[in-house]
Amino acid sequence: MRVFIVGMLVAALAAGACGGQQKVRLTHRPNDIFGRMAAAAAEAPCAPSPVAGPVPTAPGKRPDNAFGYDVVFYFAHPEDETLFTPGTMDEFVAAKGRIFEVVLSHGEGGRLLERDATGNLREVIGAPPAKVAEVRDRELAQAMKALGIEYEHLYPATAHADFAAGDVKGPDRAVHSCGETLERWDALLPDGIAGLLKKLVASIRTRRPRLIVTHDHRDDDDWLDHGHHKAFGALVEMAARAAADPRVPGDPPHVIDEFVTIAPKQVPADVTLQTGAEMRKKLMAANASQFEAQKYAEISERAVERYVVRWRAVGLPPPRAGSLMASFANSR
């Protein structure tokens, strides 16, 4: 596999990165650090907030067991790994990496495709969320088995972390904006956005990854451009900073070495991996309810996966390959 380092992006995180989102009205307003983080996220949707703290500083010396996993991937939906990172995950597993995937939802608000009597795919109209989640859970399990990766969901399907795209306003509009997504999550999820941030901090401190890979919070000209993706990526970044802060309650603090996002199509990548398309095709076959012929043709041959290194812990020596992401990918 060839790895190309295009150069580190150093642009600051800004609210304007997502098109000047409107403020979000929160249902839950707890008076603690997670409530303050949620309120800050609502003020500038899609922009990781300084309330979560600065880029963490790496400890001077870590014990051998400081990291539970080499890489933890955080995704909004099942099959996001199939769309964005299948080859990368396969390479990491082949390199004997300790890999884990955390999925926010069960895809319960999405659609299902099934084959009719003639063998053609058709969309199941009006499938109840529990049925959709049952199918999506089974498909995710098949995909994770093909990869050989452990995984977990942050919420049960009954939490409706994935909600239907009932307000799409035209063919060029992403399914829900960041602001709409945060507002709905705050109303639907137990303890709202504050509760989700608390779960994410606990997840990071429990899994103790060296590297986090997730969605980018900025607009995109491709499949990443979905409010659920962008909002979740922003919250994961907030949680990664807060997880390092000893003042944030919960399990002992954990400082990750590097925070990486999937590069939006129009953003220069720091790391470009030539992964081939074999694992992508396997995972698309496992997620049969999600890929009609046109979408399969558009995505299945993609053999390049691109990433942005948002930040590294302060005080770390420069990685051998320019980033830990690239170094790890090249370690096979």
Protein backbone atom coordinates (compact mmCIF):
# COMPACT_ATOMS: atom_id res chain seq x y z
CA MET A 1 0.00 0.00 0.00
CA ARG A 2 1.31 3.45 -0.90
CA VAL A 3 0.84 6.34 1.51
CA PHE A 4 1.06 9.94 0.39
CA ILE A 5 1.44 12.72 2.95
CA VAL A 6 0.12 15.89 1.40
CA GLY A 7 0.83 18.14 4.38
CA MET A 8 -0.77 18.98 7.70
CA LEU A 9 -3.77 21.28 7.71
CA VAL A 10 -3.56 23.91 10.41
CA ALA A 11 -6.76 25.89 9.87
CA ALA A 12 -8.61 26.64 13.09
CA LEU A 13 -12.00 25.09 13.79
CA ALA A 14 -14.63 27.69 12.97
CA ALA A 15 -18.38 27.91 13.02
CA GLY A 16 -18.37 29.18 9.48
CA ALA A 17 -16.99 25.85 8.26
CA CYS A 18 -20.52 24.53 7.97
CA GLY A 19 -22.23 27.37 6.24
CA GLY A 20 -23.14 29.59 9.20
CA GLN A 21 -25.56 27.30 11.02
CA GLN A 22 -28.37 28.82 13.04
CA LYS A 23 -28.38 28.42 16.82
CA VAL A 24 -30.06 25.28 18.13
CA ARG A 25 -32.86 25.23 20.67
CA LEU A 26 -32.04 22.67 23.36
CA THR A 27 -34.62 20.64 25.25
CA HIS A 28 -32.19 19.53 27.97
CA ARG A 29 -30.11 22.11 29.87
CA PRO A 30 -28.13 20.32 32.61
CA ASN A 31 -25.93 22.61 34.70
CA ASP A 32 -22.63 20.70 34.43
CA ILE A 33 -19.64 20.53 32.08
CA PHE A 34 -21.56 18.35 29.62
CA GLY A 35 -24.45 20.80 29.65
CA ARG A 36 -22.07 23.68 28.97
CA MET A 37 -20.49 21.73 26.12
CA ALA A 38 -23.94 21.00 24.67
CA ALA A 39 -24.92 24.68 24.94
CA ALA A 40 -21.70 25.67 23.15
CA ALA A 41 -22.40 23.13 20.40
CA ALA A 42 -25.87 24.62 20.02
CA GLU A 43 -24.43 28.12 19.65
CA ALA A 44 -22.24 27.07 16.71
CA PRO A 45 -23.47 23.78 15.23
CA CYS A 46 -20.82 21.72 13.46
CA ALA A 47 -17.89 23.57 15.02
CA PRO A 48 -16.09 21.78 17.90
CA SER A 49 -16.27 24.17 20.82
CA PRO A 50 -13.41 25.63 22.87
CA VAL A 51 -15.52 24.79 25.94
CA ALA A 52 -14.19 21.23 25.51
CA GLY A 53 -10.67 22.54 26.03
CA PRO A 54 -7.53 22.99 23.91
CA VAL A 55 -5.67 20.27 22.06
CA PRO A 56 -4.53 17.94 24.87
CA THR A 57 -0.89 17.63 25.92
CA ALA A 58 0.61 14.15 25.85
CA PRO A 59 1.89 12.84 29.19
CA GLY A 60 5.66 12.74 29.50
CA LYS A 61 5.75 8.97 29.98
CA ARG A 62 2.99 6.42 29.43
CA PRO A 63 2.80 2.89 30.81
CA ASP A 64 2.81 -0.01 28.37
CA ASN A 65 -0.94 -0.49 28.88
CA ALA A 66 -1.85 3.19 28.32
CA PHE A 67 -3.76 2.32 25.13
CA GLY A 68 -6.52 -0.25 24.97
CA TYR A 69 -6.85 0.04 21.18
CA ASP A 70 -4.66 1.33 18.41
CA VAL A 71 -7.60 2.85 16.49
CA VAL A 72 -11.25 3.40 17.36
CA PHE A 73 -13.59 4.44 14.54
CA TYR A 74 -16.68 6.48 15.52
CA PHE A 75 -19.55 6.44 13.00
CA ALA A 76 -23.10 7.79 12.96
CA HIS A 77 -24.65 4.80 11.15
CA PRO A 78 -24.02 1.17 10.36
CA GLU A 79 -22.46 0.89 6.86
CA ASP A 80 -20.55 4.19 7.28
CA GLU A 81 -17.40 2.08 7.52
CA THR A 82 -18.42 0.51 4.21
CA LEU A 83 -18.77 3.90 2.54
CA PHE A 84 -15.66 5.55 3.92
CA THR A 85 -13.02 3.30 5.52
CA PRO A 86 -13.27 -0.39 4.47
CA GLY A 87 -9.81 -0.71 2.94
CA THR A 88 -8.16 1.22 5.76
CA MET A 89 -9.75 -0.99 8.39
CA ASP A 90 -8.72 -4.11 6.49
CA GLU A 91 -5.12 -2.87 6.28
CA PHE A 92 -5.06 -2.07 10.00
CA VAL A 93 -6.37 -5.53 10.89
CA ALA A 94 -3.77 -7.12 8.58
CA ALA A 95 -1.10 -5.13 10.40
CA LYS A 96 -2.25 -6.80 13.66
CA GLY A 97 -3.72 -3.59 14.98
CA ARG A 98 -6.22 -3.51 17.83
CA ILE A 99 -9.26 -1.97 16.13
CA PHE A 100 -12.73 -1.12 17.46
CA GLU A 101 -15.82 0.52 15.94
CA VAL A 102 -18.40 2.56 17.84
CA VAL A 103 -21.71 3.23 16.06
CA LEU A 104 -24.15 5.88 17.25
CA SER A 105 -27.33 4.41 15.75
CA HIS A 106 -28.79 1.26 14.25
CA GLY A 107 -29.84 2.98 11.03
CA GLU A 108 -33.41 2.73 12.26
CA GLY A 109 -34.50 5.93 10.54
CA GLY A 110 -33.23 4.90 7.12
CA ARG A 111 -34.54 2.83 4.28
CA LEU A 112 -34.48 -0.83 3.31
CA LEU A 113 -34.06 -2.41 -0.09
CA GLU A 114 -35.19 -5.95 -0.80
CA ARG A 115 -35.43 -8.14 -3.89
CA ASP A 116 -38.86 -8.75 -5.40
CA ALA A 117 -40.03 -11.95 -7.07
CA THR A 118 -38.14 -11.03 -10.26
CA GLY A 119 -34.88 -10.45 -8.39
CA ASN A 120 -34.94 -6.66 -8.72
CA LEU A 121 -34.23 -4.43 -5.73
CA ARG A 122 -37.11 -2.33 -4.50
CA GLU A 123 -37.46 0.01 -1.55
CA VAL A 124 -39.61 -1.15 1.34
CA ILE A 125 -42.00 1.71 2.04
CA GLY A 126 -43.13 2.30 5.62
CA ALA A 127 -40.98 -0.34 7.30
CA PRO A 128 -41.15 0.21 11.08
CA PRO A 129 -37.89 1.40 12.69
CA ALA A 130 -37.60 -1.83 14.71
CA LYS A 131 -37.67 -3.88 11.50
CA VAL A 132 -35.11 -1.62 9.82
CA ALA A 133 -32.84 -1.85 12.87
CA GLU A 134 -33.14 -5.64 12.93
CA VAL A 135 -31.96 -5.90 9.32
CA ARG A 136 -29.23 -3.27 9.73
CA ASP A 137 -27.94 -4.94 12.92
CA ARG A 138 -27.66 -8.27 11.12
CA GLU A 139 -25.85 -6.69 8.19
CA LEU A 140 -23.44 -4.78 10.43
CA ALA A 141 -22.59 -8.00 12.26
CA GLN A 142 -21.80 -9.64 8.90
CA ALA A 143 -19.63 -6.71 7.84
CA MET A 144 -17.72 -6.67 11.13
CA LYS A 145 -17.18 -10.42 10.90
CA ALA A 146 -15.73 -9.96 7.40
CA LEU A 147 -13.35 -7.35 8.78
CA GLY A 148 -12.61 -9.13 12.06
CA ILE A 149 -13.38 -6.04 14.15
CA GLU A 150 -15.19 -5.66 17.49
CA TYR A 151 -17.95 -3.05 17.71
CA GLU A 152 -20.72 -1.59 19.84
CA HIS A 153 -23.68 0.79 19.55
CA LEU A 154 -23.94 3.85 21.79
CA TYR A 155 -27.75 3.64 22.02
CA PRO A 156 -30.49 1.06 21.51
CA ALA A 157 -32.58 1.41 18.36
CA THR A 158 -35.50 2.65 20.48
CA ALA A 159 -33.57 5.88 21.17
CA HIS A 160 -34.08 6.93 17.51
CA ALA A 161 -30.59 8.39 17.17
CA ASP A 162 -31.12 7.84 13.44
CA PHE A 163 -34.28 9.59 12.34
CA ALA A 164 -36.05 9.62 9.02
CA ALA A 165 -35.29 12.18 6.32
CA GLY A 166 -38.74 13.69 6.29
CA ASP A 167 -37.64 17.26 5.70
CA VAL A 168 -35.38 16.99 2.66
CA LYS A 169 -35.94 20.16 0.64
CA GLY A 170 -34.52 19.41 -2.80
CA PRO A 171 -32.12 17.08 -4.57
CA ASP A 172 -28.99 19.08 -3.71
CA ARG A 173 -29.66 19.43 0.01
CA ALA A 174 -27.94 17.16 2.55
CA VAL A 175 -30.28 15.07 4.68
CA HIS A 176 -30.69 17.34 7.70
CA SER A 177 -28.26 20.09 8.60
CA CYS A 178 -26.04 19.95 11.67
CA GLY A 179 -28.38 22.28 13.50
CA GLU A 180 -31.46 20.19 12.73
CA THR A 181 -29.62 17.05 13.74
CA LEU A 182 -28.45 18.44 17.08
CA GLU A 183 -31.93 19.77 17.84
CA ARG A 184 -33.54 16.41 17.15
CA TRP A 185 -30.90 14.48 19.08
CA ASP A 186 -31.34 16.79 22.04
CA ALA A 187 -35.08 16.17 22.03
CA LEU A 188 -34.97 12.40 21.34
CA LEU A 189 -31.94 11.00 23.17
CA PRO A 190 -31.93 10.38 26.92
CA ASP A 191 -30.37 13.50 28.49
CA GLY A 192 -30.01 15.05 25.03
CA ILE A 193 -26.73 16.29 23.54
CA ALA A 194 -25.19 16.54 27.00
CA GLY A 195 -25.94 12.87 27.55
CA LEU A 196 -24.42 11.96 24.17
CA LEU A 197 -21.24 13.91 24.98
CA LYS A 198 -21.03 12.15 28.34
CA LYS A 199 -21.36 8.78 26.60
CA LEU A 200 -18.64 9.69 24.11
CA VAL A 201 -16.22 10.81 26.84
CA ALA A 202 -16.90 7.56 28.72
CA SER A 203 -16.37 5.54 25.53
CA ILE A 204 -13.02 7.19 24.81
CA ARG A 205 -11.83 6.74 28.38
CA THR A 206 -12.96 3.11 28.40
CA ARG A 207 -11.50 2.13 25.00
CA ARG A 208 -8.36 4.28 25.45
CA PRO A 209 -7.46 4.56 21.74
CA ARG A 210 -4.17 5.86 20.43
CA LEU A 211 -5.94 7.16 17.33
CA ILE A 212 -9.56 8.20 16.67
CA VAL A 213 -11.05 8.24 13.18
CA THR A 214 -14.47 9.79 12.60
CA HIS A 215 -16.57 12.00 10.32
CA ASP A 216 -15.42 15.49 9.42
CA HIS A 217 -17.64 18.33 10.67
CA ARG A 218 -17.29 20.41 7.50
CA ASP A 219 -19.44 20.48 4.38
CA ASP A 220 -18.63 17.94 1.69
CA ASP A 221 -19.40 17.46 -1.99
CA ASP A 222 -19.78 13.70 -1.58
CA TRP A 223 -21.44 11.03 0.61
CA LEU A 224 -20.00 12.54 3.80
CA ASP A 225 -22.34 15.53 3.42
CA HIS A 226 -25.03 14.44 5.86
CA GLY A 227 -26.04 16.33 8.98
CA HIS A 228 -25.78 13.21 11.13
CA HIS A 229 -22.19 12.66 9.96
CA LYS A 230 -21.07 16.25 10.45
CA ALA A 231 -22.77 16.77 13.82
CA PHE A 232 -21.47 13.48 15.19
CA GLY A 233 -17.93 14.22 14.04
CA ALA A 234 -18.01 17.59 15.80
CA LEU A 235 -19.26 16.02 19.04
CA VAL A 236 -16.65 13.23 18.91
CA GLU A 237 -13.94 15.88 18.60
CA MET A 238 -15.32 17.79 21.57
CA ALA A 239 -15.43 14.54 23.56
CA ALA A 240 -11.85 13.62 22.61
CA ARG A 241 -10.60 16.88 24.09
CA ALA A 242 -12.81 16.66 27.16
CA ALA A 243 -11.76 13.03 27.80
CA ALA A 244 -8.22 14.28 28.44
CA ASP A 245 -9.28 16.84 31.06
CA PRO A 246 -9.05 15.62 34.70
CA ARG A 247 -11.68 18.19 35.65
CA VAL A 248 -14.29 16.36 33.57
CA PRO A 249 -15.94 13.74 35.81
CA GLY A 250 -16.01 10.03 35.07
CA ASP A 251 -13.31 7.46 34.43
CA PRO A 252 -9.61 8.46 34.57
CA PRO A 253 -8.62 10.93 31.82
CA HIS A 254 -7.18 9.64 28.57
CA VAL A 255 -5.15 11.59 26.00
CA ILE A 256 -5.26 10.24 22.45
CA ASP A 257 -2.23 10.74 20.25
CA GLU A 258 -4.00 11.77 17.05
CA PHE A 259 -7.49 12.82 15.94
CA VAL A 260 -8.30 12.04 12.29
CA THR A 261 -11.35 12.70 10.14
CA ILE A 262 -12.47 11.40 6.76
CA ALA A 263 -11.48 14.10 4.29
CA PRO A 264 -14.33 15.96 2.58
CA LYS A 265 -14.05 15.71 -1.19
CA GLN A 266 -12.99 19.33 -1.67
CA VAL A 267 -10.45 19.35 1.22
CA PRO A 268 -6.79 18.42 0.60
CA ALA A 269 -5.94 15.21 2.41
CA ASP A 270 -3.06 14.78 4.84
CA VAL A 271 -3.06 11.02 4.31
CA THR A 272 -4.16 9.21 1.16
CA LEU A 273 -4.28 5.41 1.28
CA GLN A 274 -4.34 3.25 -1.84
CA THR A 275 -6.37 0.39 -0.38
CA GLY A 276 -7.95 -1.33 -3.36
CA ALA A 277 -11.66 -2.08 -3.55
CA GLU A 278 -11.87 -5.75 -2.54
CA MET A 279 -12.98 -5.22 1.07
CA ARG A 280 -15.34 -2.41 0.02
CA LYS A 281 -17.17 -4.81 -2.29
CA LYS A 282 -17.38 -7.47 0.43
CA LEU A 283 -18.89 -5.03 2.90
CA MET A 284 -21.33 -3.64 0.33
CA ALA A 285 -22.51 -7.20 -0.29
CA ALA A 286 -22.97 -7.65 3.46
CA ASN A 287 -25.06 -4.44 3.58
CA ALA A 288 -27.39 -5.63 0.83
CA SER A 289 -30.35 -3.55 2.06
CA GLN A 290 -28.53 -0.26 1.40
CA PHE A 291 -26.98 -0.35 -2.07
CA GLU A 292 -29.02 -0.31 -5.25
CA ALA A 293 -27.23 -0.85 -8.56
CA GLN A 294 -26.49 2.83 -9.25
CA LYS A 295 -25.06 3.47 -5.78
CA TYR A 296 -23.07 0.23 -5.91
CA ALA A 297 -21.56 1.19 -9.27
CA GLU A 298 -20.65 4.66 -7.99
CA ILE A 299 -18.94 3.49 -4.80
CA SER A 300 -17.73 -0.10 -5.20
CA GLU A 301 -14.65 0.64 -7.31
CA ARG A 302 -13.27 3.34 -5.03
CA ALA A 303 -9.75 2.22 -4.16
CA VAL A 304 -8.51 5.40 -2.44
CA GLU A 305 -9.38 6.51 1.09
CA ARG A 306 -8.48 10.05 2.23
CA TYR A 307 -8.02 11.54 5.70
CA VAL A 308 -7.33 14.82 7.46
CA VAL A 309 -5.25 14.89 10.65
CA ARG A 310 -7.15 17.45 12.69
CA TRP A 311 -4.64 17.48 15.55
CA ARG A 312 -2.00 15.54 17.45
CA ALA A 313 -1.44 15.71 21.19
CA VAL A 314 0.93 18.53 22.10
CA GLY A 315 4.47 17.43 22.89
CA LEU A 316 4.57 14.28 20.77
CA PRO A 317 7.67 13.85 18.60
CA PRO A 318 7.00 14.04 14.84
CA PRO A 319 5.79 10.63 13.63
CA ARG A 320 8.04 8.69 11.26
CA ALA A 321 5.65 8.98 8.29
CA GLY A 322 4.37 12.48 9.06
CA SER A 323 1.34 11.23 10.97
CA LEU A 324 0.50 8.28 13.20
CA MET A 325 -2.28 7.39 10.77
CA ALA A 326 0.19 6.99 7.93
CA SER A 327 2.80 5.27 10.11
CA PHE A 328 0.29 2.70 11.31
CA ALA A 329 -1.09 2.12 7.85
CA ASN A 330 2.44 1.45 6.57
CA SER A 331 3.36 -0.93 9.39
CA ARG A 332 2.07 -4.07 7.70
